[in-house]
């Protein structure tokens, strides 16, 4: 299921075994499955995406760092 959302706080993801990388504040699209959430965004001409465990995504929503938009 796809949701429109906003990053309004500190949200980070990890690429492989690398360091945590921040996702800049602003609009995103979120695609969720039973296990994962994939966040996609555009920053100028750059498109980014990050996958994270659904538990991490739900934590960011509960903490208010990600705000889901009403459908």
C-alpha atoms as a PDB file:
ATOM      1  CA  UNK A   1       0.000   0.000   0.000  1.00  0.00           C
ATOM      2  CA  UNK A   2       1.339   3.466  -0.895  1.00  0.00           C
ATOM      3  CA  UNK A   3       1.013   6.468   1.439  1.00  0.00           C
ATOM      4  CA  UNK A   4       1.925  10.133   1.065  1.00  0.00           C
ATOM      5  CA  UNK A   5       3.884  11.379   4.066  1.00  0.00           C
ATOM      6  CA  UNK A   6       6.182  14.137   5.333  1.00  0.00           C
ATOM      7  CA  UNK A   7       9.537  13.853   7.043  1.00  0.00           C
ATOM      8  CA  UNK A   8       9.314  16.408   9.842  1.00  0.00           C
ATOM      9  CA  UNK A   9      12.033  15.160  12.200  1.00  0.00           C
ATOM     10  CA  UNK A  10      15.237  13.155  12.256  1.00  0.00           C
ATOM     11  CA  UNK A  11      14.830  10.038  10.080  1.00  0.00           C
ATOM     12  CA  UNK A  12      17.798   7.861   9.120  1.00  0.00           C
ATOM     13  CA  UNK A  13      18.380   4.673   7.170  1.00  0.00           C
ATOM     14  CA  UNK A  14      21.340   2.370   6.705  1.00  0.00           C
ATOM     15  CA  UNK A  15      22.777   1.327   3.343  1.00  0.00           C
ATOM     16  CA  UNK A  16      23.994  -2.237   3.872  1.00  0.00           C
ATOM     17  CA  UNK A  17      26.520  -2.294   6.704  1.00  0.00           C
ATOM     18  CA  UNK A  18      27.366   1.397   6.240  1.00  0.00           C
ATOM     19  CA  UNK A  19      26.656   4.338   8.528  1.00  0.00           C
ATOM     20  CA  UNK A  20      23.229   5.802   9.195  1.00  0.00           C
ATOM     21  CA  UNK A  21      22.221   8.252   6.438  1.00  0.00           C
ATOM     22  CA  UNK A  22      19.704  11.074   7.042  1.00  0.00           C
ATOM     23  CA  UNK A  23      16.623  11.617   4.902  1.00  0.00           C
ATOM     24  CA  UNK A  24      16.025  15.331   4.406  1.00  0.00           C
ATOM     25  CA  UNK A  25      12.746  16.864   5.678  1.00  0.00           C
ATOM     26  CA  UNK A  26       9.984  17.140   3.118  1.00  0.00           C
ATOM     27  CA  UNK A  27       7.443  15.083   1.194  1.00  0.00           C
ATOM     28  CA  UNK A  28       7.928  11.360   0.634  1.00  0.00           C
ATOM     29  CA  UNK A  29       5.974   8.391  -0.640  1.00  0.00           C
ATOM     30  CA  UNK A  30       5.901   5.236   1.449  1.00  0.00           C
ATOM     31  CA  UNK A  31       5.243   1.724   0.147  1.00  0.00           C
ATOM     32  CA  UNK A  32       4.659  -0.805   2.924  1.00  0.00           C
ATOM     33  CA  UNK A  33       4.649  -4.594   3.039  1.00  0.00           C
ATOM     34  CA  UNK A  34       4.216  -6.904   6.019  1.00  0.00           C
ATOM     35  CA  UNK A  35       7.932  -6.573   6.861  1.00  0.00           C
ATOM     36  CA  UNK A  36       9.349  -3.422   5.254  1.00  0.00           C
ATOM     37  CA  UNK A  37       8.686   0.192   4.343  1.00  0.00           C
ATOM     38  CA  UNK A  38      10.269   1.770   1.264  1.00  0.00           C
ATOM     39  CA  UNK A  39      10.529   5.567   1.383  1.00  0.00           C
ATOM     40  CA  UNK A  40      10.965   7.516  -1.872  1.00  0.00           C
ATOM     41  CA  UNK A  41      11.687  11.214  -2.324  1.00  0.00           C
ATOM     42  CA  UNK A  42      12.872  13.813  -4.812  1.00  0.00           C
ATOM     43  CA  UNK A  43      15.491  16.420  -3.935  1.00  0.00           C
ATOM     44  CA  UNK A  44      15.842  18.726  -6.922  1.00  0.00           C
ATOM     45  CA  UNK A  45      16.828  16.495  -9.825  1.00  0.00           C
ATOM     46  CA  UNK A  46      17.911  13.681  -7.502  1.00  0.00           C
ATOM     47  CA  UNK A  47      15.589  10.811  -6.640  1.00  0.00           C
ATOM     48  CA  UNK A  48      16.235   8.789  -3.521  1.00  0.00           C
ATOM     49  CA  UNK A  49      14.780   5.731  -1.885  1.00  0.00           C
ATOM     50  CA  UNK A  50      15.449   3.721   1.240  1.00  0.00           C
ATOM     51  CA  UNK A  51      14.071   0.506   2.659  1.00  0.00           C
ATOM     52  CA  UNK A  52      13.755  -0.001   6.392  1.00  0.00           C
ATOM     53  CA  UNK A  53      12.153  -2.579   8.664  1.00  0.00           C
ATOM     54  CA  UNK A  54       8.479  -1.854   9.264  1.00  0.00           C
ATOM     55  CA  UNK A  55       9.153  -1.660  13.019  1.00  0.00           C
ATOM     56  CA  UNK A  56      11.593   1.248  12.451  1.00  0.00           C
ATOM     57  CA  UNK A  57       9.091   3.025  10.189  1.00  0.00           C
ATOM     58  CA  UNK A  58       6.307   2.647  12.768  1.00  0.00           C
ATOM     59  CA  UNK A  59       8.655   3.993  15.476  1.00  0.00           C
ATOM     60  CA  UNK A  60       9.398   7.115  13.387  1.00  0.00           C
ATOM     61  CA  UNK A  61       5.635   7.632  12.888  1.00  0.00           C
ATOM     62  CA  UNK A  62       4.933   7.144  16.618  1.00  0.00           C
ATOM     63  CA  UNK A  63       7.728   9.606  17.531  1.00  0.00           C
ATOM     64  CA  UNK A  64       6.303  12.186  15.096  1.00  0.00           C
ATOM     65  CA  UNK A  65       9.369  12.255  12.801  1.00  0.00           C
ATOM     66  CA  UNK A  66       7.234  10.951   9.918  1.00  0.00           C
ATOM     67  CA  UNK A  67       3.737  12.348   9.501  1.00  0.00           C
ATOM     68  CA  UNK A  68       1.341  10.315   7.345  1.00  0.00           C
ATOM     69  CA  UNK A  69      -1.029  12.380   5.232  1.00  0.00           C
ATOM     70  CA  UNK A  70      -4.728  11.596   5.070  1.00  0.00           C
ATOM     71  CA  UNK A  71      -5.837   9.759   1.941  1.00  0.00           C
END
